PDB file of N, CA and C in Angstrom:
ATOM      1  N   MET A   1     -13.919   6.244  14.191  1.00  0.00           N
ATOM      2  CA  MET A   1     -12.893   5.231  14.369  1.00  0.00           C
ATOM      3  C   MET A   1     -12.394   4.707  13.026  1.00  0.00           C
ATOM      4  N   GLY A   2     -13.211   4.734  11.983  1.00  0.00           N
ATOM      5  CA  GLY A   2     -12.832   4.201  10.681  1.00  0.00           C
ATOM      6  C   GLY A   2     -11.650   4.915  10.058  1.00  0.00           C
ATOM      7  N   ILE A   3     -11.619   6.248  10.149  1.00  0.00           N
ATOM      8  CA  ILE A   3     -10.524   7.012   9.544  1.00  0.00           C
ATOM      9  C   ILE A   3      -9.217   6.730  10.278  1.00  0.00           C
ATOM     10  N   ILE A   4      -9.279   6.613  11.588  1.00  0.00           N
ATOM     11  CA  ILE A   4      -8.067   6.310  12.358  1.00  0.00           C
ATOM     12  C   ILE A   4      -7.508   4.954  11.956  1.00  0.00           C
ATOM     13  N   LEU A   5      -8.390   3.979  11.756  1.00  0.00           N
ATOM     14  CA  LEU A   5      -7.952   2.651  11.331  1.00  0.00           C
ATOM     15  C   LEU A   5      -7.340   2.713   9.941  1.00  0.00           C
ATOM     16  N   TRP A   6      -7.922   3.492   9.039  1.00  0.00           N
ATOM     17  CA  TRP A   6      -7.361   3.674   7.694  1.00  0.00           C
ATOM     18  C   TRP A   6      -5.951   4.239   7.787  1.00  0.00           C
ATOM     19  N   LEU A   7      -5.768   5.240   8.651  1.00  0.00           N
ATOM     20  CA  LEU A   7      -4.452   5.858   8.789  1.00  0.00           C
ATOM     21  C   LEU A   7      -3.421   4.885   9.353  1.00  0.00           C
ATOM     22  N   ILE A   8      -3.839   4.084  10.323  1.00  0.00           N
ATOM     23  CA  ILE A   8      -2.921   3.099  10.914  1.00  0.00           C
ATOM     24  C   ILE A   8      -2.550   2.045   9.884  1.00  0.00           C
ATOM     25  N   ILE A   9      -3.546   1.491   9.197  1.00  0.00           N
ATOM     26  CA  ILE A   9      -3.269   0.475   8.168  1.00  0.00           C
ATOM     27  C   ILE A   9      -2.439   1.077   7.045  1.00  0.00           C
ATOM     28  N   GLY A  10      -2.761   2.298   6.640  1.00  0.00           N
ATOM     29  CA  GLY A  10      -1.991   2.966   5.586  1.00  0.00           C
ATOM     30  C   GLY A  10      -0.546   3.173   5.986  1.00  0.00           C
ATOM     31  N   GLY A  11      -0.325   3.618   7.221  1.00  0.00           N
ATOM     32  CA  GLY A  11       1.042   3.818   7.696  1.00  0.00           C
ATOM     33  C   GLY A  11       1.827   2.523   7.750  1.00  0.00           C
ATOM     34  N   LEU A  12       1.204   1.474   8.273  1.00  0.00           N
ATOM     35  CA  LEU A  12       1.864   0.166   8.327  1.00  0.00           C
ATOM     36  C   LEU A  12       2.160  -0.364   6.928  1.00  0.00           C
ATOM     37  N   ALA A  13       1.183  -0.264   6.041  1.00  0.00           N
ATOM     38  CA  ALA A  13       1.361  -0.772   4.672  1.00  0.00           C
ATOM     39  C   ALA A  13       2.470  -0.023   3.956  1.00  0.00           C
ATOM     40  N   GLY A  14       2.503   1.300   4.101  1.00  0.00           N
ATOM     41  CA  GLY A  14       3.558   2.091   3.471  1.00  0.00           C
ATOM     42  C   GLY A  14       4.931   1.745   4.019  1.00  0.00           C
ATOM     43  N   TRP A  15       5.020   1.551   5.333  1.00  0.00           N
ATOM     44  CA  TRP A  15       6.290   1.193   5.958  1.00  0.00           C
ATOM     45  C   TRP A  15       6.754  -0.185   5.491  1.00  0.00           C
ATOM     46  N   ILE A  16       5.844  -1.166   5.486  1.00  0.00           N
ATOM     47  CA  ILE A  16       6.189  -2.527   5.052  1.00  0.00           C
ATOM     48  C   ILE A  16       6.611  -2.523   3.581  1.00  0.00           C
ATOM     49  N   ALA A  17       5.866  -1.801   2.751  1.00  0.00           N
ATOM     50  CA  ALA A  17       6.204  -1.735   1.330  1.00  0.00           C
ATOM     51  C   ALA A  17       7.575  -1.088   1.132  1.00  0.00           C
ATOM     52  N   GLY A  18       7.880  -0.063   1.916  1.00  0.00           N
ATOM     53  CA  GLY A  18       9.199   0.568   1.840  1.00  0.00           C
ATOM     54  C   GLY A  18      10.307  -0.404   2.190  1.00  0.00           C
ATOM     55  N   LYS A  19      10.060  -1.260   3.166  1.00  0.00           N
ATOM     56  CA  LYS A  19      11.054  -2.277   3.540  1.00  0.00           C
ATOM     57  C   LYS A  19      11.185  -3.335   2.447  1.00  0.00           C
ATOM     58  N   ILE A  20      10.073  -3.764   1.872  1.00  0.00           N
ATOM     59  CA  ILE A  20      10.100  -4.778   0.815  1.00  0.00           C
ATOM     60  C   ILE A  20      10.842  -4.251  -0.411  1.00  0.00           C
ATOM     61  N   MET A  21      10.593  -3.001  -0.747  1.00  0.00           N
ATOM     62  CA  MET A  21      11.202  -2.418  -1.945  1.00  0.00           C
ATOM     63  C   MET A  21      12.558  -1.768  -1.635  1.00  0.00           C
ATOM     64  N   ARG A  22      13.151  -2.129  -0.515  1.00  0.00           N
ATOM     65  CA  ARG A  22      14.486  -1.691  -0.106  1.00  0.00           C
ATOM     66  C   ARG A  22      14.599  -0.191   0.111  1.00  0.00           C
ATOM     67  N   GLY A  23      13.496   0.418   0.488  1.00  0.00           N
ATOM     68  CA  GLY A  23      13.533   1.827   0.861  1.00  0.00           C
ATOM     69  C   GLY A  23      13.617   1.908   2.374  1.00  0.00           C
ATOM     70  N   GLY A  24      13.871   3.065   2.891  1.00  0.00           N
ATOM     71  CA  GLY A  24      13.972   3.216   4.324  1.00  0.00           C
ATOM     72  C   GLY A  24      12.691   3.720   4.955  1.00  0.00           C
ATOM     73  N   GLY A  25      11.626   3.749   4.212  1.00  0.00           N
ATOM     74  CA  GLY A  25      10.406   4.351   4.710  1.00  0.00           C
ATOM     75  C   GLY A  25      10.339   5.787   4.218  1.00  0.00           C
ATOM     76  N   PHE A  26       9.216   6.405   4.414  1.00  0.00           N
ATOM     77  CA  PHE A  26       8.997   7.739   3.852  1.00  0.00           C
ATOM     78  C   PHE A  26       8.535   8.724   4.912  1.00  0.00           C
ATOM     79  N   GLY A  27       8.763   8.422   6.154  1.00  0.00           N
ATOM     80  CA  GLY A  27       8.245   9.250   7.224  1.00  0.00           C
ATOM     81  C   GLY A  27       6.788   8.877   7.476  1.00  0.00           C
ATOM     82  N   VAL A  28       6.242   9.368   8.544  1.00  0.00           N
ATOM     83  CA  VAL A  28       4.884   8.981   8.932  1.00  0.00           C
ATOM     84  C   VAL A  28       3.872   9.370   7.869  1.00  0.00           C
ATOM     85  N   VAL A  29       3.901  10.617   7.432  1.00  0.00           N
ATOM     86  CA  VAL A  29       2.915  11.085   6.450  1.00  0.00           C
ATOM     87  C   VAL A  29       3.114  10.380   5.115  1.00  0.00           C
ATOM     88  N   GLY A  30       4.354  10.235   4.676  1.00  0.00           N
ATOM     89  CA  GLY A  30       4.635   9.551   3.417  1.00  0.00           C
ATOM     90  C   GLY A  30       4.185   8.103   3.440  1.00  0.00           C
ATOM     91  N   ASN A  31       4.430   7.408   4.544  1.00  0.00           N
ATOM     92  CA  ASN A  31       3.988   6.019   4.670  1.00  0.00           C
ATOM     93  C   ASN A  31       2.473   5.919   4.603  1.00  0.00           C
ATOM     94  N   ILE A  32       1.784   6.838   5.262  1.00  0.00           N
ATOM     95  CA  ILE A  32       0.319   6.820   5.245  1.00  0.00           C
ATOM     96  C   ILE A  32      -0.193   7.043   3.823  1.00  0.00           C
ATOM     97  N   VAL A  33       0.385   8.013   3.126  1.00  0.00           N
ATOM     98  CA  VAL A  33      -0.056   8.307   1.754  1.00  0.00           C
ATOM     99  C   VAL A  33       0.206   7.110   0.840  1.00  0.00           C
ATOM    100  N   VAL A  34       1.420   6.555   0.905  1.00  0.00           N
ATOM    101  CA  VAL A  34       1.755   5.388   0.074  1.00  0.00           C
ATOM    102  C   VAL A  34       0.830   4.219   0.412  1.00  0.00           C
ATOM    103  N   GLY A  35       0.566   4.013   1.688  1.00  0.00           N
ATOM    104  CA  GLY A  35      -0.300   2.907   2.104  1.00  0.00           C
ATOM    105  C   GLY A  35      -1.737   3.078   1.659  1.00  0.00           C
ATOM    106  N   ILE A  36      -2.280   4.284   1.767  1.00  0.00           N
ATOM    107  CA  ILE A  36      -3.675   4.507   1.366  1.00  0.00           C
ATOM    108  C   ILE A  36      -3.819   4.410  -0.146  1.00  0.00           C
ATOM    109  N   VAL A  37      -2.898   5.030  -0.885  1.00  0.00           N
ATOM    110  CA  VAL A  37      -2.939   4.893  -2.350  1.00  0.00           C
ATOM    111  C   VAL A  37      -2.732   3.430  -2.734  1.00  0.00           C
ATOM    112  N   GLY A  38      -1.833   2.757  -2.033  1.00  0.00           N
ATOM    113  CA  GLY A  38      -1.604   1.332  -2.274  1.00  0.00           C
ATOM    114  C   GLY A  38      -2.843   0.501  -1.999  1.00  0.00           C
ATOM    115  N   ALA A  39      -3.604   0.872  -0.971  1.00  0.00           N
ATOM    116  CA  ALA A  39      -4.841   0.139  -0.671  1.00  0.00           C
ATOM    117  C   ALA A  39      -5.836   0.268  -1.809  1.00  0.00           C
ATOM    118  N   VAL A  40      -5.913   1.446  -2.396  1.00  0.00           N
ATOM    119  CA  VAL A  40      -6.817   1.645  -3.538  1.00  0.00           C
ATOM    120  C   VAL A  40      -6.347   0.806  -4.728  1.00  0.00           C
ATOM    121  N   ILE A  41      -5.057   0.857  -4.998  1.00  0.00           N
ATOM    122  CA  ILE A  41      -4.496   0.080  -6.110  1.00  0.00           C
ATOM    123  C   ILE A  41      -4.668  -1.421  -5.857  1.00  0.00           C
ATOM    124  N   GLY A  42      -4.339  -1.859  -4.652  1.00  0.00           N
ATOM    125  CA  GLY A  42      -4.472  -3.278  -4.307  1.00  0.00           C
ATOM    126  C   GLY A  42      -5.917  -3.751  -4.388  1.00  0.00           C
ATOM    127  N   GLY A  43      -6.843  -2.932  -3.908  1.00  0.00           N
ATOM    128  CA  GLY A  43      -8.262  -3.290  -3.992  1.00  0.00           C
ATOM    129  C   GLY A  43      -8.729  -3.422  -5.432  1.00  0.00           C
ATOM    130  N   ALA A  44      -8.257  -2.521  -6.292  1.00  0.00           N
ATOM    131  CA  ALA A  44      -8.621  -2.594  -7.713  1.00  0.00           C
ATOM    132  C   ALA A  44      -8.033  -3.845  -8.355  1.00  0.00           C
ATOM    133  N   MET A  45      -6.784  -4.145  -8.012  1.00  0.00           N
ATOM    134  CA  MET A  45      -6.138  -5.334  -8.578  1.00  0.00           C
ATOM    135  C   MET A  45      -6.865  -6.610  -8.149  1.00  0.00           C
ATOM    136  N   ILE A  46      -7.202  -6.693  -6.885  1.00  0.00           N
ATOM    137  CA  ILE A  46      -7.899  -7.882  -6.384  1.00  0.00           C
ATOM    138  C   ILE A  46      -9.271  -7.997  -7.033  1.00  0.00           C
ATOM    139  N   GLY A  47      -9.944  -6.860  -7.212  1.00  0.00           N
ATOM    140  CA  GLY A  47     -11.242  -6.871  -7.884  1.00  0.00           C
ATOM    141  C   GLY A  47     -11.135  -7.329  -9.331  1.00  0.00           C
ATOM    142  N   LEU A  48     -10.081  -6.887 -10.033  1.00  0.00           N
ATOM    143  CA  LEU A  48      -9.881  -7.303 -11.424  1.00  0.00           C
ATOM    144  C   LEU A  48      -9.592  -8.790 -11.543  1.00  0.00           C
ATOM    145  N   LEU A  49      -8.970  -9.346 -10.515  1.00  0.00           N
ATOM    146  CA  LEU A  49      -8.675 -10.777 -10.515  1.00  0.00           C
ATOM    147  C   LEU A  49      -9.883 -11.612 -10.104  1.00  0.00           C
ATOM    148  N   GLY A  50     -10.956 -10.934  -9.699  1.00  0.00           N
ATOM    149  CA  GLY A  50     -12.164 -11.644  -9.302  1.00  0.00           C
ATOM    150  C   GLY A  50     -12.099 -12.204  -7.894  1.00  0.00           C
ATOM    151  N   LEU A  51     -11.156 -11.713  -7.100  1.00  0.00           N
ATOM    152  CA  LEU A  51     -11.019 -12.183  -5.725  1.00  0.00           C
ATOM    153  C   LEU A  51     -11.731 -11.225  -4.781  1.00  0.00           C
ATOM    154  N   SER A  52     -11.925 -11.659  -3.569  1.00  0.00           N
ATOM    155  CA  SER A  52     -12.561 -10.833  -2.554  1.00  0.00           C
ATOM    156  C   SER A  52     -11.521 -10.420  -1.528  1.00  0.00           C
ATOM    157  N   SER A  53     -11.595  -9.166  -1.088  1.00  0.00           N
ATOM    158  CA  SER A  53     -10.651  -8.702  -0.076  1.00  0.00           C
ATOM    159  C   SER A  53     -11.331  -8.569   1.288  1.00  0.00           C
ATOM    160  N   ASN A  54     -12.296  -9.416   1.561  1.00  0.00           N
ATOM    161  CA  ASN A  54     -13.010  -9.376   2.830  1.00  0.00           C
ATOM    162  C   ASN A  54     -12.280 -10.195   3.882  1.00  0.00           C
ATOM    163  N   GLY A  55     -11.101  -9.762   4.248  1.00  0.00           N
ATOM    164  CA  GLY A  55     -10.311 -10.495   5.220  1.00  0.00           C
ATOM    165  C   GLY A  55     -10.130  -9.733   6.518  1.00  0.00           C
ATOM    166  N   GLY A  56     -10.980  -8.759   6.776  1.00  0.00           N
ATOM    167  CA  GLY A  56     -10.848  -7.981   7.992  1.00  0.00           C
ATOM    168  C   GLY A  56      -9.628  -7.081   7.950  1.00  0.00           C
ATOM    169  N   ILE A  57      -9.090  -6.800   9.107  1.00  0.00           N
ATOM    170  CA  ILE A  57      -7.952  -5.893   9.207  1.00  0.00           C
ATOM    171  C   ILE A  57      -6.720  -6.486   8.535  1.00  0.00           C
ATOM    172  N   ILE A  58      -6.470  -7.776   8.745  1.00  0.00           N
ATOM    173  CA  ILE A  58      -5.301  -8.424   8.136  1.00  0.00           C
ATOM    174  C   ILE A  58      -5.430  -8.427   6.609  1.00  0.00           C
ATOM    175  N   GLY A  59      -6.607  -8.758   6.106  1.00  0.00           N
ATOM    176  CA  GLY A  59      -6.834  -8.741   4.660  1.00  0.00           C
ATOM    177  C   GLY A  59      -6.647  -7.349   4.076  1.00  0.00           C
ATOM    178  N   SER A  60      -7.121  -6.344   4.792  1.00  0.00           N
ATOM    179  CA  SER A  60      -6.941  -4.961   4.341  1.00  0.00           C
ATOM    180  C   SER A  60      -5.466  -4.583   4.318  1.00  0.00           C
ATOM    181  N   LEU A  61      -4.733  -5.007   5.335  1.00  0.00           N
ATOM    182  CA  LEU A  61      -3.307  -4.707   5.394  1.00  0.00           C
ATOM    183  C   LEU A  61      -2.555  -5.395   4.256  1.00  0.00           C
ATOM    184  N   VAL A  62      -2.858  -6.655   4.015  1.00  0.00           N
ATOM    185  CA  VAL A  62      -2.201  -7.395   2.925  1.00  0.00           C
ATOM    186  C   VAL A  62      -2.513  -6.741   1.581  1.00  0.00           C
ATOM    187  N   THR A  63      -3.777  -6.392   1.370  1.00  0.00           N
ATOM    188  CA  THR A  63      -4.183  -5.728   0.129  1.00  0.00           C
ATOM    189  C   THR A  63      -3.445  -4.410  -0.045  1.00  0.00           C
ATOM    190  N   ALA A  64      -3.364  -3.624   1.027  1.00  0.00           N
ATOM    191  CA  ALA A  64      -2.683  -2.333   0.964  1.00  0.00           C
ATOM    192  C   ALA A  64      -1.193  -2.503   0.705  1.00  0.00           C
ATOM    193  N   VAL A  65      -0.578  -3.496   1.318  1.00  0.00           N
ATOM    194  CA  VAL A  65       0.858  -3.728   1.107  1.00  0.00           C
ATOM    195  C   VAL A  65       1.113  -4.126  -0.344  1.00  0.00           C
ATOM    196  N   ILE A  66       0.296  -5.017  -0.881  1.00  0.00           N
ATOM    197  CA  ILE A  66       0.463  -5.430  -2.282  1.00  0.00           C
ATOM    198  C   ILE A  66       0.348  -4.221  -3.207  1.00  0.00           C
ATOM    199  N   GLY A  67      -0.680  -3.420  -2.986  1.00  0.00           N
ATOM    200  CA  GLY A  67      -0.865  -2.227  -3.816  1.00  0.00           C
ATOM    201  C   GLY A  67       0.268  -1.230  -3.646  1.00  0.00           C
ATOM    202  N   ALA A  68       0.748  -1.042  -2.424  1.00  0.00           N
ATOM    203  CA  ALA A  68       1.835  -0.100  -2.178  1.00  0.00           C
ATOM    204  C   ALA A  68       3.140  -0.572  -2.816  1.00  0.00           C
ATOM    205  N   VAL A  69       3.392  -1.872  -2.794  1.00  0.00           N
ATOM    206  CA  VAL A  69       4.581  -2.410  -3.459  1.00  0.00           C
ATOM    207  C   VAL A  69       4.496  -2.160  -4.966  1.00  0.00           C
ATOM    208  N   VAL A  70       3.327  -2.396  -5.546  1.00  0.00           N
ATOM    209  CA  VAL A  70       3.143  -2.127  -6.975  1.00  0.00           C
ATOM    210  C   VAL A  70       3.357  -0.638  -7.260  1.00  0.00           C
ATOM    211  N   LEU A  71       2.792   0.214  -6.420  1.00  0.00           N
ATOM    212  CA  LEU A  71       2.964   1.662  -6.582  1.00  0.00           C
ATOM    213  C   LEU A  71       4.440   2.046  -6.540  1.00  0.00           C
ATOM    214  N   LEU A  72       5.173   1.552  -5.564  1.00  0.00           N
ATOM    215  CA  LEU A  72       6.591   1.885  -5.456  1.00  0.00           C
ATOM    216  C   LEU A  72       7.396   1.322  -6.616  1.00  0.00           C
ATOM    217  N   TRP A  73       7.004   0.158  -7.113  1.00  0.00           N
ATOM    218  CA  TRP A  73       7.689  -0.432  -8.268  1.00  0.00           C
ATOM    219  C   TRP A  73       7.500   0.453  -9.502  1.00  0.00           C
ATOM    220  N   VAL A  74       6.259   0.908  -9.722  1.00  0.00           N
ATOM    221  CA  VAL A  74       5.973   1.775 -10.875  1.00  0.00           C
ATOM    222  C   VAL A  74       6.730   3.097 -10.739  1.00  0.00           C
ATOM    223  N   VAL A  75       6.741   3.663  -9.540  1.00  0.00           N
ATOM    224  CA  VAL A  75       7.472   4.914  -9.321  1.00  0.00           C
ATOM    225  C   VAL A  75       8.958   4.718  -9.589  1.00  0.00           C
ATOM    226  N   SER A  76       9.513   3.572  -9.191  1.00  0.00           N
ATOM    227  CA  SER A  76      10.940   3.328  -9.444  1.00  0.00           C
ATOM    228  C   SER A  76      11.219   3.203 -10.935  1.00  0.00           C
ATOM    229  N   LEU A  77      10.289   2.621 -11.684  1.00  0.00           N
ATOM    230  CA  LEU A  77      10.461   2.537 -13.141  1.00  0.00           C
ATOM    231  C   LEU A  77      10.453   3.916 -13.772  1.00  0.00           C
ATOM    232  N   ILE A  78       9.553   4.761 -13.305  1.00  0.00           N
ATOM    233  CA  ILE A  78       9.460   6.123 -13.848  1.00  0.00           C
ATOM    234  C   ILE A  78      10.701   6.925 -13.504  1.00  0.00           C
ATOM    235  N   LYS A  79      11.220   6.768 -12.295  1.00  0.00           N
ATOM    236  CA  LYS A  79      12.413   7.500 -11.877  1.00  0.00           C
ATOM    237  C   LYS A  79      13.648   7.086 -12.688  1.00  0.00           C
ATOM    238  N   ARG A  80      13.715   5.817 -13.057  1.00  0.00           N
ATOM    239  CA  ARG A  80      14.856   5.343 -13.853  1.00  0.00           C
ATOM    240  C   ARG A  80      14.861   5.976 -15.228  1.00  0.00           C
ATOM    241  N   LYS A  81      13.677   6.127 -15.819  1.00  0.00           N
ATOM    242  CA  LYS A  81      13.581   6.670 -17.171  1.00  0.00           C
ATOM    243  C   LYS A  81      13.765   8.191 -17.185  1.00  0.00           C
ATOM    244  N   GLY A  82      13.502   8.822 -16.068  1.00  0.00           N
ATOM    245  CA  GLY A  82      13.532  10.293 -16.024  1.00  0.00           C
ATOM    246  C   GLY A  82      14.828  10.886 -15.670  1.00  0.00           C
TER     247      GLY A  82
END
């Protein structure tokens, strides 16, 4: 059940981040990838700030969305320069 929950949270986080960053989403697989990578980035950021991400499913989703937004922002910076 854990992997299915990761995929659902990843898909939601990627979709939400795409909406926040004015994208149209990246399809189901793209949203899941962006969300899961974003969750890793968000978890690292929260850890560096000395905060805890023990907020259950909602906390995991918020963490993943924050990380996914940062990921999309960095990708947009790289695309502008390239």
